[in-house]
Amino acid sequence: MCRLNRPLELQKLKSPNPNARFDLDAQIGFLAVAAAENEMKKLQAEVKNLRKQLAKANTELREFRKAQRDLLAVVRFQNKIIKVLVMLLFIVAICFVVANN
C-alpha cells in the first residue's frame, strides 16, 4: 500500500528541476492508487454488508418455507378428515334410505 509523504511531494513540485513533470505524474499516480484503495475499501464494506443481508434473507426464507410445509401438512390432514366425514355422511344417508324402505 502506497502512502504519500505530502510535504516532500510538494517540495518536488515546487522545485525547478527537469524531473518536475515526472514528479507530477508520480504524484497523480500515487493519488490515483490512493483513491482506488479507498474505493476498494468502500466496496469491500458494501460487499460485507450485502453478505449479511443475504444471510438474513436466507434465514427468513428457510423459516418461511418451513412454515409453508407445516401449513401444507395441516391442510392435507384437514382434507383427509373432510373425506372421512363425507364418507360417513353417505353411509348414514344410505342407512336412512334403507331404513325407510
PDB file of N, CA and C in Angstrom:
ATOM      1  N   MET A   1       0.850  -1.171   0.000  1.00  0.00           N
ATOM      2  CA  MET A   1       0.000   0.000   0.000  1.00  0.00           C
ATOM      3  C   MET A   1       0.894   1.231   0.000  1.00  0.00           C
ATOM      4  N   CYS A   2       0.661   2.148  -0.896  1.00  0.00           N
ATOM      5  CA  CYS A   2       1.487   3.344  -1.024  1.00  0.00           C
ATOM      6  C   CYS A   2       0.910   4.485  -0.199  1.00  0.00           C
ATOM      7  N   ARG A   3       1.768   5.117   0.544  1.00  0.00           N
ATOM      8  CA  ARG A   3       1.358   6.295   1.296  1.00  0.00           C
ATOM      9  C   ARG A   3       2.175   7.479   0.782  1.00  0.00           C
ATOM     10  N   LEU A   4       1.540   8.628   0.743  1.00  0.00           N
ATOM     11  CA  LEU A   4       2.206   9.817   0.233  1.00  0.00           C
ATOM     12  C   LEU A   4       2.867  10.575   1.371  1.00  0.00           C
ATOM     13  N   ASN A   5       4.071  11.032   1.097  1.00  0.00           N
ATOM     14  CA  ASN A   5       4.740  11.940   2.008  1.00  0.00           C
ATOM     15  C   ASN A   5       4.468  13.326   1.438  1.00  0.00           C
ATOM     16  N   ARG A   6       3.396  13.928   1.853  1.00  0.00           N
ATOM     17  CA  ARG A   6       2.885  15.126   1.192  1.00  0.00           C
ATOM     18  C   ARG A   6       3.879  16.300   1.190  1.00  0.00           C
ATOM     19  N   PRO A   7       4.523  16.661   2.296  1.00  0.00           N
ATOM     20  CA  PRO A   7       5.452  17.801   2.213  1.00  0.00           C
ATOM     21  C   PRO A   7       6.579  17.545   1.212  1.00  0.00           C
ATOM     22  N   LEU A   8       7.112  16.325   1.167  1.00  0.00           N
ATOM     23  CA  LEU A   8       8.171  16.005   0.226  1.00  0.00           C
ATOM     24  C   LEU A   8       7.652  16.102  -1.207  1.00  0.00           C
ATOM     25  N   GLU A   9       6.455  15.600  -1.453  1.00  0.00           N
ATOM     26  CA  GLU A   9       5.876  15.673  -2.790  1.00  0.00           C
ATOM     27  C   GLU A   9       5.663  17.133  -3.196  1.00  0.00           C
ATOM     28  N   LEU A  10       5.209  17.958  -2.266  1.00  0.00           N
ATOM     29  CA  LEU A  10       5.012  19.364  -2.590  1.00  0.00           C
ATOM     30  C   LEU A  10       6.341  20.060  -2.860  1.00  0.00           C
ATOM     31  N   GLN A  11       7.397  19.690  -2.123  1.00  0.00           N
ATOM     32  CA  GLN A  11       8.718  20.264  -2.374  1.00  0.00           C
ATOM     33  C   GLN A  11       9.184  19.913  -3.777  1.00  0.00           C
ATOM     34  N   LYS A  12       8.950  18.664  -4.181  1.00  0.00           N
ATOM     35  CA  LYS A  12       9.356  18.249  -5.516  1.00  0.00           C
ATOM     36  C   LYS A  12       8.600  19.040  -6.580  1.00  0.00           C
ATOM     37  N   LEU A  13       7.318  19.290  -6.341  1.00  0.00           N
ATOM     38  CA  LEU A  13       6.535  20.019  -7.328  1.00  0.00           C
ATOM     39  C   LEU A  13       6.977  21.473  -7.426  1.00  0.00           C
ATOM     40  N   LYS A  14       7.439  22.056  -6.309  1.00  0.00           N
ATOM     41  CA  LYS A  14       7.853  23.464  -6.318  1.00  0.00           C
ATOM     42  C   LYS A  14       9.279  23.649  -6.807  1.00  0.00           C
ATOM     43  N   SER A  15      10.069  22.589  -6.762  1.00  0.00           N
ATOM     44  CA  SER A  15      11.474  22.735  -7.149  1.00  0.00           C
ATOM     45  C   SER A  15      11.599  22.811  -8.670  1.00  0.00           C
ATOM     46  N   PRO A  16      12.437  23.748  -9.154  1.00  0.00           N
ATOM     47  CA  PRO A  16      12.606  23.878 -10.609  1.00  0.00           C
ATOM     48  C   PRO A  16      13.639  22.876 -11.121  1.00  0.00           C
ATOM     49  N   ASN A  17      13.285  21.628 -11.221  1.00  0.00           N
ATOM     50  CA  ASN A  17      14.227  20.651 -11.766  1.00  0.00           C
ATOM     51  C   ASN A  17      13.622  20.028 -13.017  1.00  0.00           C
ATOM     52  N   PRO A  18      14.429  19.394 -13.818  1.00  0.00           N
ATOM     53  CA  PRO A  18      13.931  18.837 -15.078  1.00  0.00           C
ATOM     54  C   PRO A  18      12.996  17.644 -14.873  1.00  0.00           C
ATOM     55  N   ASN A  19      13.009  17.043 -13.697  1.00  0.00           N
ATOM     56  CA  ASN A  19      12.152  15.900 -13.427  1.00  0.00           C
ATOM     57  C   ASN A  19      10.801  16.313 -12.826  1.00  0.00           C
ATOM     58  N   ALA A  20      10.480  17.597 -12.857  1.00  0.00           N
ATOM     59  CA  ALA A  20       9.251  18.076 -12.236  1.00  0.00           C
ATOM     60  C   ALA A  20       8.021  17.432 -12.888  1.00  0.00           C
ATOM     61  N   ARG A  21       8.073  17.271 -14.200  1.00  0.00           N
ATOM     62  CA  ARG A  21       6.927  16.652 -14.885  1.00  0.00           C
ATOM     63  C   ARG A  21       6.786  15.192 -14.442  1.00  0.00           C
ATOM     64  N   PHE A  22       7.899  14.504 -14.301  1.00  0.00           N
ATOM     65  CA  PHE A  22       7.852  13.123 -13.811  1.00  0.00           C
ATOM     66  C   PHE A  22       7.284  13.074 -12.395  1.00  0.00           C
ATOM     67  N   ASP A  23       7.724  14.035 -11.563  1.00  0.00           N
ATOM     68  CA  ASP A  23       7.226  14.077 -10.191  1.00  0.00           C
ATOM     69  C   ASP A  23       5.725  14.324 -10.166  1.00  0.00           C
ATOM     70  N   LEU A  24       5.241  15.193 -11.054  1.00  0.00           N
ATOM     71  CA  LEU A  24       3.810  15.458 -11.135  1.00  0.00           C
ATOM     72  C   LEU A  24       3.064  14.199 -11.572  1.00  0.00           C
ATOM     73  N   ASP A  25       3.610  13.495 -12.559  1.00  0.00           N
ATOM     74  CA  ASP A  25       2.987  12.244 -12.995  1.00  0.00           C
ATOM     75  C   ASP A  25       2.980  11.211 -11.863  1.00  0.00           C
ATOM     76  N   ALA A  26       4.079  11.151 -11.112  1.00  0.00           N
ATOM     77  CA  ALA A  26       4.149  10.223  -9.981  1.00  0.00           C
ATOM     78  C   ALA A  26       3.127  10.608  -8.924  1.00  0.00           C
ATOM     79  N   GLN A  27       2.999  11.917  -8.659  1.00  0.00           N
ATOM     80  CA  GLN A  27       2.012  12.403  -7.682  1.00  0.00           C
ATOM     81  C   GLN A  27       0.606  11.997  -8.124  1.00  0.00           C
ATOM     82  N   ILE A  28       0.297  12.182  -9.390  1.00  0.00           N
ATOM     83  CA  ILE A  28      -1.027  11.809  -9.914  1.00  0.00           C
ATOM     84  C   ILE A  28      -1.224  10.306  -9.787  1.00  0.00           C
ATOM     85  N   GLY A  29      -0.183   9.536 -10.096  1.00  0.00           N
ATOM     86  CA  GLY A  29      -0.269   8.080  -9.970  1.00  0.00           C
ATOM     87  C   GLY A  29      -0.518   7.646  -8.535  1.00  0.00           C
ATOM     88  N   PHE A  30       0.221   8.255  -7.593  1.00  0.00           N
ATOM     89  CA  PHE A  30       0.025   7.920  -6.187  1.00  0.00           C
ATOM     90  C   PHE A  30      -1.387   8.277  -5.720  1.00  0.00           C
ATOM     91  N   LEU A  31      -1.871   9.435  -6.166  1.00  0.00           N
ATOM     92  CA  LEU A  31      -3.227   9.836  -5.796  1.00  0.00           C
ATOM     93  C   LEU A  31      -4.270   8.890  -6.384  1.00  0.00           C
ATOM     94  N   ALA A  32      -4.018   8.446  -7.616  1.00  0.00           N
ATOM     95  CA  ALA A  32      -4.954   7.506  -8.246  1.00  0.00           C
ATOM     96  C   ALA A  32      -4.975   6.185  -7.482  1.00  0.00           C
ATOM     97  N   VAL A  33      -3.795   5.717  -7.074  1.00  0.00           N
ATOM     98  CA  VAL A  33      -3.728   4.467  -6.307  1.00  0.00           C
ATOM     99  C   VAL A  33      -4.434   4.630  -4.965  1.00  0.00           C
ATOM    100  N   ALA A  34      -4.198   5.764  -4.303  1.00  0.00           N
ATOM    101  CA  ALA A  34      -4.840   6.002  -3.010  1.00  0.00           C
ATOM    102  C   ALA A  34      -6.357   6.074  -3.167  1.00  0.00           C
ATOM    103  N   ALA A  35      -6.810   6.727  -4.233  1.00  0.00           N
ATOM    104  CA  ALA A  35      -8.256   6.813  -4.465  1.00  0.00           C
ATOM    105  C   ALA A  35      -8.831   5.435  -4.760  1.00  0.00           C
ATOM    106  N   ALA A  36      -8.106   4.637  -5.544  1.00  0.00           N
ATOM    107  CA  ALA A  36      -8.572   3.286  -5.861  1.00  0.00           C
ATOM    108  C   ALA A  36      -8.624   2.417  -4.599  1.00  0.00           C
ATOM    109  N   GLU A  37      -7.628   2.557  -3.729  1.00  0.00           N
ATOM    110  CA  GLU A  37      -7.631   1.797  -2.472  1.00  0.00           C
ATOM    111  C   GLU A  37      -8.809   2.206  -1.599  1.00  0.00           C
ATOM    112  N   ASN A  38      -9.073   3.504  -1.546  1.00  0.00           N
ATOM    113  CA  ASN A  38     -10.201   3.997  -0.752  1.00  0.00           C
ATOM    114  C   ASN A  38     -11.515   3.464  -1.313  1.00  0.00           C
ATOM    115  N   GLU A  39     -11.661   3.503  -2.625  1.00  0.00           N
ATOM    116  CA  GLU A  39     -12.878   2.981  -3.263  1.00  0.00           C
ATOM    117  C   GLU A  39     -13.009   1.481  -3.021  1.00  0.00           C
ATOM    118  N   MET A  40     -11.883   0.759  -3.068  1.00  0.00           N
ATOM    119  CA  MET A  40     -11.905  -0.678  -2.831  1.00  0.00           C
ATOM    120  C   MET A  40     -12.361  -0.974  -1.400  1.00  0.00           C
ATOM    121  N   LYS A  41     -11.895  -0.191  -0.432  1.00  0.00           N
ATOM    122  CA  LYS A  41     -12.324  -0.388   0.956  1.00  0.00           C
ATOM    123  C   LYS A  41     -13.822  -0.158   1.096  1.00  0.00           C
ATOM    124  N   LYS A  42     -14.332   0.882   0.423  1.00  0.00           N
ATOM    125  CA  LYS A  42     -15.772   1.150   0.473  1.00  0.00           C
ATOM    126  C   LYS A  42     -16.547  -0.014  -0.130  1.00  0.00           C
ATOM    127  N   LEU A  43     -16.079  -0.511  -1.271  1.00  0.00           N
ATOM    128  CA  LEU A  43     -16.766  -1.622  -1.926  1.00  0.00           C
ATOM    129  C   LEU A  43     -16.704  -2.893  -1.083  1.00  0.00           C
ATOM    130  N   GLN A  44     -15.573  -3.133  -0.422  1.00  0.00           N
ATOM    131  CA  GLN A  44     -15.467  -4.307   0.439  1.00  0.00           C
ATOM    132  C   GLN A  44     -16.441  -4.205   1.613  1.00  0.00           C
ATOM    133  N   ALA A  45     -16.583  -3.006   2.173  1.00  0.00           N
ATOM    134  CA  ALA A  45     -17.543  -2.817   3.267  1.00  0.00           C
ATOM    135  C   ALA A  45     -18.964  -3.034   2.762  1.00  0.00           C
ATOM    136  N   GLU A  46     -19.242  -2.565   1.557  1.00  0.00           N
ATOM    137  CA  GLU A  46     -20.580  -2.758   0.981  1.00  0.00           C
ATOM    138  C   GLU A  46     -20.851  -4.239   0.718  1.00  0.00           C
ATOM    139  N   VAL A  47     -19.843  -4.952   0.216  1.00  0.00           N
ATOM    140  CA  VAL A  47     -19.997  -6.395  -0.024  1.00  0.00           C
ATOM    141  C   VAL A  47     -20.251  -7.121   1.293  1.00  0.00           C
ATOM    142  N   LYS A  48     -19.534  -6.750   2.334  1.00  0.00           N
ATOM    143  CA  LYS A  48     -19.724  -7.376   3.647  1.00  0.00           C
ATOM    144  C   LYS A  48     -21.149  -7.145   4.145  1.00  0.00           C
ATOM    145  N   ASN A  49     -21.631  -5.908   3.983  1.00  0.00           N
ATOM    146  CA  ASN A  49     -22.995  -5.588   4.404  1.00  0.00           C
ATOM    147  C   ASN A  49     -24.017  -6.380   3.588  1.00  0.00           C
ATOM    148  N   LEU A  50     -23.795  -6.484   2.276  1.00  0.00           N
ATOM    149  CA  LEU A  50     -24.714  -7.241   1.426  1.00  0.00           C
ATOM    150  C   LEU A  50     -24.708  -8.721   1.773  1.00  0.00           C
ATOM    151  N   ARG A  51     -23.553  -9.249   2.143  1.00  0.00           N
ATOM    152  CA  ARG A  51     -23.499 -10.657   2.554  1.00  0.00           C
ATOM    153  C   ARG A  51     -24.296 -10.888   3.831  1.00  0.00           C
ATOM    154  N   LYS A  52     -24.216  -9.938   4.760  1.00  0.00           N
ATOM    155  CA  LYS A  52     -25.008 -10.049   5.995  1.00  0.00           C
ATOM    156  C   LYS A  52     -26.492 -10.031   5.659  1.00  0.00           C
ATOM    157  N   GLN A  53     -26.884  -9.112   4.766  1.00  0.00           N
ATOM    158  CA  GLN A  53     -28.291  -9.027   4.375  1.00  0.00           C
ATOM    159  C   GLN A  53     -28.743 -10.308   3.681  1.00  0.00           C
ATOM    160  N   LEU A  54     -27.876 -10.868   2.847  1.00  0.00           N
ATOM    161  CA  LEU A  54     -28.218 -12.111   2.142  1.00  0.00           C
ATOM    162  C   LEU A  54     -28.372 -13.261   3.131  1.00  0.00           C
ATOM    163  N   ALA A  55     -27.491 -13.345   4.111  1.00  0.00           N
ATOM    164  CA  ALA A  55     -27.595 -14.405   5.117  1.00  0.00           C
ATOM    165  C   ALA A  55     -28.902 -14.263   5.907  1.00  0.00           C
ATOM    166  N   LYS A  56     -29.264 -13.030   6.247  1.00  0.00           N
ATOM    167  CA  LYS A  56     -30.516 -12.794   6.977  1.00  0.00           C
ATOM    168  C   LYS A  56     -31.716 -13.176   6.109  1.00  0.00           C
ATOM    169  N   ALA A  57     -31.673 -12.801   4.839  1.00  0.00           N
ATOM    170  CA  ALA A  57     -32.777 -13.129   3.932  1.00  0.00           C
ATOM    171  C   ALA A  57     -32.888 -14.639   3.738  1.00  0.00           C
ATOM    172  N   ASN A  58     -31.752 -15.327   3.644  1.00  0.00           N
ATOM    173  CA  ASN A  58     -31.781 -16.791   3.506  1.00  0.00           C
ATOM    174  C   ASN A  58     -32.389 -17.447   4.743  1.00  0.00           C
ATOM    175  N   THR A  59     -32.050 -16.929   5.917  1.00  0.00           N
ATOM    176  CA  THR A  59     -32.620 -17.464   7.155  1.00  0.00           C
ATOM    177  C   THR A  59     -34.136 -17.261   7.179  1.00  0.00           C
ATOM    178  N   GLU A  60     -34.557 -16.060   6.803  1.00  0.00           N
ATOM    179  CA  GLU A  60     -36.002 -15.784   6.770  1.00  0.00           C
ATOM    180  C   GLU A  60     -36.702 -16.679   5.749  1.00  0.00           C
ATOM    181  N   LEU A  61     -36.054 -16.904   4.612  1.00  0.00           N
ATOM    182  CA  LEU A  61     -36.649 -17.759   3.578  1.00  0.00           C
ATOM    183  C   LEU A  61     -36.777 -19.201   4.071  1.00  0.00           C
ATOM    184  N   ARG A  62     -35.757 -19.701   4.770  1.00  0.00           N
ATOM    185  CA  ARG A  62     -35.837 -21.058   5.332  1.00  0.00           C
ATOM    186  C   ARG A  62     -36.982 -21.164   6.335  1.00  0.00           C
ATOM    187  N   GLU A  63     -37.116 -20.158   7.190  1.00  0.00           N
ATOM    188  CA  GLU A  63     -38.203 -20.162   8.177  1.00  0.00           C
ATOM    189  C   GLU A  63     -39.562 -20.116   7.478  1.00  0.00           C
ATOM    190  N   PHE A  64     -39.665 -19.302   6.422  1.00  0.00           N
ATOM    191  CA  PHE A  64     -40.928 -19.208   5.687  1.00  0.00           C
ATOM    192  C   PHE A  64     -41.267 -20.545   5.032  1.00  0.00           C
ATOM    193  N   ARG A  65     -40.285 -21.182   4.416  1.00  0.00           N
ATOM    194  CA  ARG A  65     -40.531 -22.471   3.763  1.00  0.00           C
ATOM    195  C   ARG A  65     -40.930 -23.541   4.773  1.00  0.00           C
ATOM    196  N   LYS A  66     -40.326 -23.509   5.959  1.00  0.00           N
ATOM    197  CA  LYS A  66     -40.710 -24.465   6.997  1.00  0.00           C
ATOM    198  C   LYS A  66     -42.160 -24.229   7.417  1.00  0.00           C
ATOM    199  N   ALA A  67     -42.526 -22.976   7.623  1.00  0.00           N
ATOM    200  CA  ALA A  67     -43.908 -22.653   7.985  1.00  0.00           C
ATOM    201  C   ALA A  67     -44.864 -23.060   6.864  1.00  0.00           C
ATOM    202  N   GLN A  68     -44.434 -22.874   5.630  1.00  0.00           N
ATOM    203  CA  GLN A  68     -45.258 -23.259   4.479  1.00  0.00           C
ATOM    204  C   GLN A  68     -45.480 -24.775   4.452  1.00  0.00           C
ATOM    205  N   ARG A  69     -44.416 -25.535   4.708  1.00  0.00           N
ATOM    206  CA  ARG A  69     -44.548 -27.003   4.759  1.00  0.00           C
ATOM    207  C   ARG A  69     -45.487 -27.432   5.876  1.00  0.00           C
ATOM    208  N   ASP A  70     -45.334 -26.793   7.043  1.00  0.00           N
ATOM    209  CA  ASP A  70     -46.206 -27.128   8.175  1.00  0.00           C
ATOM    210  C   ASP A  70     -47.673 -26.832   7.846  1.00  0.00           C
ATOM    211  N   LEU A  71     -47.912 -25.690   7.226  1.00  0.00           N
ATOM    212  CA  LEU A  71     -49.274 -25.328   6.850  1.00  0.00           C
ATOM    213  C   LEU A  71     -49.831 -26.296   5.812  1.00  0.00           C
ATOM    214  N   LEU A  72     -49.017 -26.699   4.868  1.00  0.00           N
ATOM    215  CA  LEU A  72     -49.463 -27.660   3.854  1.00  0.00           C
ATOM    216  C   LEU A  72     -49.817 -29.005   4.496  1.00  0.00           C
ATOM    217  N   ALA A  73     -49.036 -29.419   5.490  1.00  0.00           N
ATOM    218  CA  ALA A  73     -49.350 -30.668   6.205  1.00  0.00           C
ATOM    219  C   ALA A  73     -50.692 -30.558   6.929  1.00  0.00           C
ATOM    220  N   VAL A  74     -50.965 -29.411   7.529  1.00  0.00           N
ATOM    221  CA  VAL A  74     -52.238 -29.204   8.220  1.00  0.00           C
ATOM    222  C   VAL A  74     -53.394 -29.258   7.223  1.00  0.00           C
ATOM    223  N   VAL A  75     -53.227 -28.612   6.070  1.00  0.00           N
ATOM    224  CA  VAL A  75     -54.283 -28.607   5.047  1.00  0.00           C
ATOM    225  C   VAL A  75     -54.534 -30.023   4.537  1.00  0.00           C
ATOM    226  N   ARG A  76     -53.481 -30.778   4.316  1.00  0.00           N
ATOM    227  CA  ARG A  76     -53.658 -32.165   3.852  1.00  0.00           C
ATOM    228  C   ARG A  76     -54.397 -33.000   4.901  1.00  0.00           C
ATOM    229  N   PHE A  77     -54.066 -32.812   6.162  1.00  0.00           N
ATOM    230  CA  PHE A  77     -54.748 -33.543   7.230  1.00  0.00           C
ATOM    231  C   PHE A  77     -56.225 -33.154   7.281  1.00  0.00           C
ATOM    232  N   GLN A  78     -56.502 -31.862   7.139  1.00  0.00           N
ATOM    233  CA  GLN A  78     -57.894 -31.412   7.129  1.00  0.00           C
ATOM    234  C   GLN A  78     -58.656 -32.022   5.948  1.00  0.00           C
ATOM    235  N   ASN A  79     -58.005 -32.117   4.790  1.00  0.00           N
ATOM    236  CA  ASN A  79     -58.653 -32.719   3.629  1.00  0.00           C
ATOM    237  C   ASN A  79     -58.999 -34.187   3.890  1.00  0.00           C
ATOM    238  N   LYS A  80     -58.108 -34.896   4.567  1.00  0.00           N
ATOM    239  CA  LYS A  80     -58.388 -36.303   4.893  1.00  0.00           C
ATOM    240  C   LYS A  80     -59.586 -36.407   5.843  1.00  0.00           C
ATOM    241  N   ILE A  81     -59.633 -35.522   6.836  1.00  0.00           N
ATOM    242  CA  ILE A  81     -60.758 -35.529   7.778  1.00  0.00           C
ATOM    243  C   ILE A  81     -62.065 -35.245   7.039  1.00  0.00           C
ATOM    244  N   ILE A  82     -62.039 -34.276   6.122  1.00  0.00           N
ATOM    245  CA  ILE A  82     -63.244 -33.938   5.356  1.00  0.00           C
ATOM    246  C   ILE A  82     -63.696 -35.139   4.528  1.00  0.00           C
ATOM    247  N   LYS A  83     -62.760 -35.849   3.901  1.00  0.00           N
ATOM    248  CA  LYS A  83     -63.118 -37.033   3.104  1.00  0.00           C
ATOM    249  C   LYS A  83     -63.785 -38.094   3.978  1.00  0.00           C
ATOM    250  N   VAL A  84     -63.227 -38.316   5.162  1.00  0.00           N
ATOM    251  CA  VAL A  84     -63.809 -39.313   6.075  1.00  0.00           C
ATOM    252  C   VAL A  84     -65.206 -38.883   6.504  1.00  0.00           C
ATOM    253  N   LEU A  85     -65.399 -37.620   6.826  1.00  0.00           N
ATOM    254  CA  LEU A  85     -66.714 -37.127   7.238  1.00  0.00           C
ATOM    255  C   LEU A  85     -67.745 -37.242   6.108  1.00  0.00           C
ATOM    256  N   VAL A  86     -67.312 -36.954   4.868  1.00  0.00           N
ATOM    257  CA  VAL A  86     -68.224 -37.085   3.726  1.00  0.00           C
ATOM    258  C   VAL A  86     -68.616 -38.550   3.532  1.00  0.00           C
ATOM    259  N   MET A  87     -67.655 -39.453   3.659  1.00  0.00           N
ATOM    260  CA  MET A  87     -67.976 -40.879   3.527  1.00  0.00           C
ATOM    261  C   MET A  87     -68.943 -41.314   4.633  1.00  0.00           C
ATOM    262  N   LEU A  88     -68.723 -40.852   5.854  1.00  0.00           N
ATOM    263  CA  LEU A  88     -69.645 -41.183   6.951  1.00  0.00           C
ATOM    264  C   LEU A  88     -71.037 -40.623   6.690  1.00  0.00           C
ATOM    265  N   LEU A  89     -71.099 -39.435   6.129  1.00  0.00           N
ATOM    266  CA  LEU A  89     -72.388 -38.839   5.796  1.00  0.00           C
ATOM    267  C   LEU A  89     -73.135 -39.695   4.761  1.00  0.00           C
ATOM    268  N   PHE A  90     -72.433 -40.150   3.734  1.00  0.00           N
ATOM    269  CA  PHE A  90     -73.049 -41.025   2.730  1.00  0.00           C
ATOM    270  C   PHE A  90     -73.527 -42.338   3.357  1.00  0.00           C
ATOM    271  N   ILE A  91     -72.710 -42.884   4.240  1.00  0.00           N
ATOM    272  CA  ILE A  91     -73.114 -44.137   4.907  1.00  0.00           C
ATOM    273  C   ILE A  91     -74.372 -43.920   5.726  1.00  0.00           C
ATOM    274  N   VAL A  92     -74.439 -42.812   6.469  1.00  0.00           N
ATOM    275  CA  VAL A  92     -75.624 -42.510   7.273  1.00  0.00           C
ATOM    276  C   VAL A  92     -76.829 -42.291   6.351  1.00  0.00           C
ATOM    277  N   ALA A  93     -76.638 -41.588   5.233  1.00  0.00           N
ATOM    278  CA  ALA A  93     -77.737 -41.344   4.287  1.00  0.00           C
ATOM    279  C   ALA A  93     -78.237 -42.660   3.702  1.00  0.00           C
ATOM    280  N   ILE A  94     -77.325 -43.545   3.360  1.00  0.00           N
ATOM    281  CA  ILE A  94     -77.736 -44.857   2.824  1.00  0.00           C
ATOM    282  C   ILE A  94     -78.507 -45.640   3.889  1.00  0.00           C
ATOM    283  N   CYS A  95     -78.059 -45.586   5.128  1.00  0.00           N
ATOM    284  CA  CYS A  95     -78.755 -46.282   6.227  1.00  0.00           C
ATOM    285  C   CYS A  95     -80.180 -45.734   6.385  1.00  0.00           C
ATOM    286  N   PHE A  96     -80.354 -44.412   6.300  1.00  0.00           N
ATOM    287  CA  PHE A  96     -81.706 -43.842   6.404  1.00  0.00           C
ATOM    288  C   PHE A  96     -82.585 -44.271   5.243  1.00  0.00           C
ATOM    289  N   VAL A  97     -82.007 -44.317   4.036  1.00  0.00           N
ATOM    290  CA  VAL A  97     -82.784 -44.739   2.865  1.00  0.00           C
ATOM    291  C   VAL A  97     -83.208 -46.192   3.025  1.00  0.00           C
ATOM    292  N   VAL A  98     -82.303 -47.036   3.472  1.00  0.00           N
ATOM    293  CA  VAL A  98     -82.623 -48.461   3.662  1.00  0.00           C
ATOM    294  C   VAL A  98     -83.641 -48.630   4.788  1.00  0.00           C
ATOM    295  N   ALA A  99     -83.517 -47.857   5.843  1.00  0.00           N
ATOM    296  CA  ALA A  99     -84.425 -47.976   6.991  1.00  0.00           C
ATOM    297  C   ALA A  99     -85.839 -47.507   6.632  1.00  0.00           C
ATOM    298  N   ASN A 100     -85.956 -46.527   5.783  1.00  0.00           N
ATOM    299  CA  ASN A 100     -87.263 -46.012   5.398  1.00  0.00           C
ATOM    300  C   ASN A 100     -87.974 -46.927   4.399  1.00  0.00           C
ATOM    301  N   ASN A 101     -87.266 -47.756   3.728  1.00  0.00           N
ATOM    302  CA  ASN A 101     -87.899 -48.663   2.755  1.00  0.00           C
ATOM    303  C   ASN A 101     -88.280 -49.894   3.449  1.00  0.00           C
TER     304      ASN A 101
END
